[in-house]
C-alpha cells in the first residue's frame, strides 16, 4: 500500500509539473 501512495505522489508531481510548463508556454505564446 505504501508503494501505491508513493507511486501516486510521483505521478501527481509529474502531472503538476507538466501543467505548469503548459501554462507557462501558453502565457508566452499570447505575447
C-alpha atoms as a PDB file:
ATOM      1  CA  UNK A   1       0.000   0.000   0.000  1.00  0.00           C
ATOM      2  CA  UNK A   2       2.848   2.381   0.793  1.00  0.00           C
ATOM      3  CA  UNK A   3       4.251   1.794  -2.684  1.00  0.00           C
ATOM      4  CA  UNK A   4       0.882   2.721  -4.191  1.00  0.00           C
ATOM      5  CA  UNK A   5       0.824   6.080  -2.398  1.00  0.00           C
ATOM      6  CA  UNK A   6       4.429   6.777  -3.347  1.00  0.00           C
ATOM      7  CA  UNK A   7       3.627   5.984  -6.974  1.00  0.00           C
ATOM      8  CA  UNK A   8       0.552   8.233  -6.840  1.00  0.00           C
ATOM      9  CA  UNK A   9       2.566  11.107  -5.367  1.00  0.00           C
ATOM     10  CA  UNK A  10       5.181  10.800  -8.119  1.00  0.00           C
ATOM     11  CA  UNK A  11       2.506  10.828 -10.816  1.00  0.00           C
ATOM     12  CA  UNK A  12       0.755  13.843  -9.314  1.00  0.00           C
ATOM     13  CA  UNK A  13       4.057  15.711  -9.111  1.00  0.00           C
ATOM     14  CA  UNK A  14       4.853  14.830 -12.729  1.00  0.00           C
ATOM     15  CA  UNK A  15       1.383  15.940 -13.844  1.00  0.00           C
ATOM     16  CA  UNK A  16       1.553  19.247 -11.958  1.00  0.00           C
ATOM     17  CA  UNK A  17       4.964  19.982 -13.485  1.00  0.00           C
ATOM     18  CA  UNK A  18       3.502  19.430 -16.945  1.00  0.00           C
ATOM     19  CA  UNK A  19       0.578  21.720 -16.173  1.00  0.00           C
ATOM     20  CA  UNK A  20       2.995  24.448 -15.072  1.00  0.00           C
ATOM     21  CA  UNK A  21       5.015  24.066 -18.280  1.00  0.00           C
ATOM     22  CA  UNK A  22       1.858  24.133 -20.394  1.00  0.00           C
ATOM     23  CA  UNK A  23       0.588  27.256 -18.609  1.00  0.00           C
ATOM     24  CA  UNK A  24       3.975  28.956 -18.929  1.00  0.00           C
ATOM     25  CA  UNK A  25       4.136  28.213 -22.665  1.00  0.00           C
ATOM     26  CA  UNK A  26       0.540  29.343 -23.182  1.00  0.00           C
ATOM     27  CA  UNK A  27       1.173  32.681 -21.474  1.00  0.00           C
ATOM     28  CA  UNK A  28       4.264  33.294 -23.597  1.00  0.00           C
ATOM     29  CA  UNK A  29       2.537  32.384 -26.845  1.00  0.00           C
ATOM     30  CA  UNK A  30      -0.016  35.148 -26.203  1.00  0.00           C
ATOM     31  CA  UNK A  31       2.658  37.853 -26.420  1.00  0.00           C
END
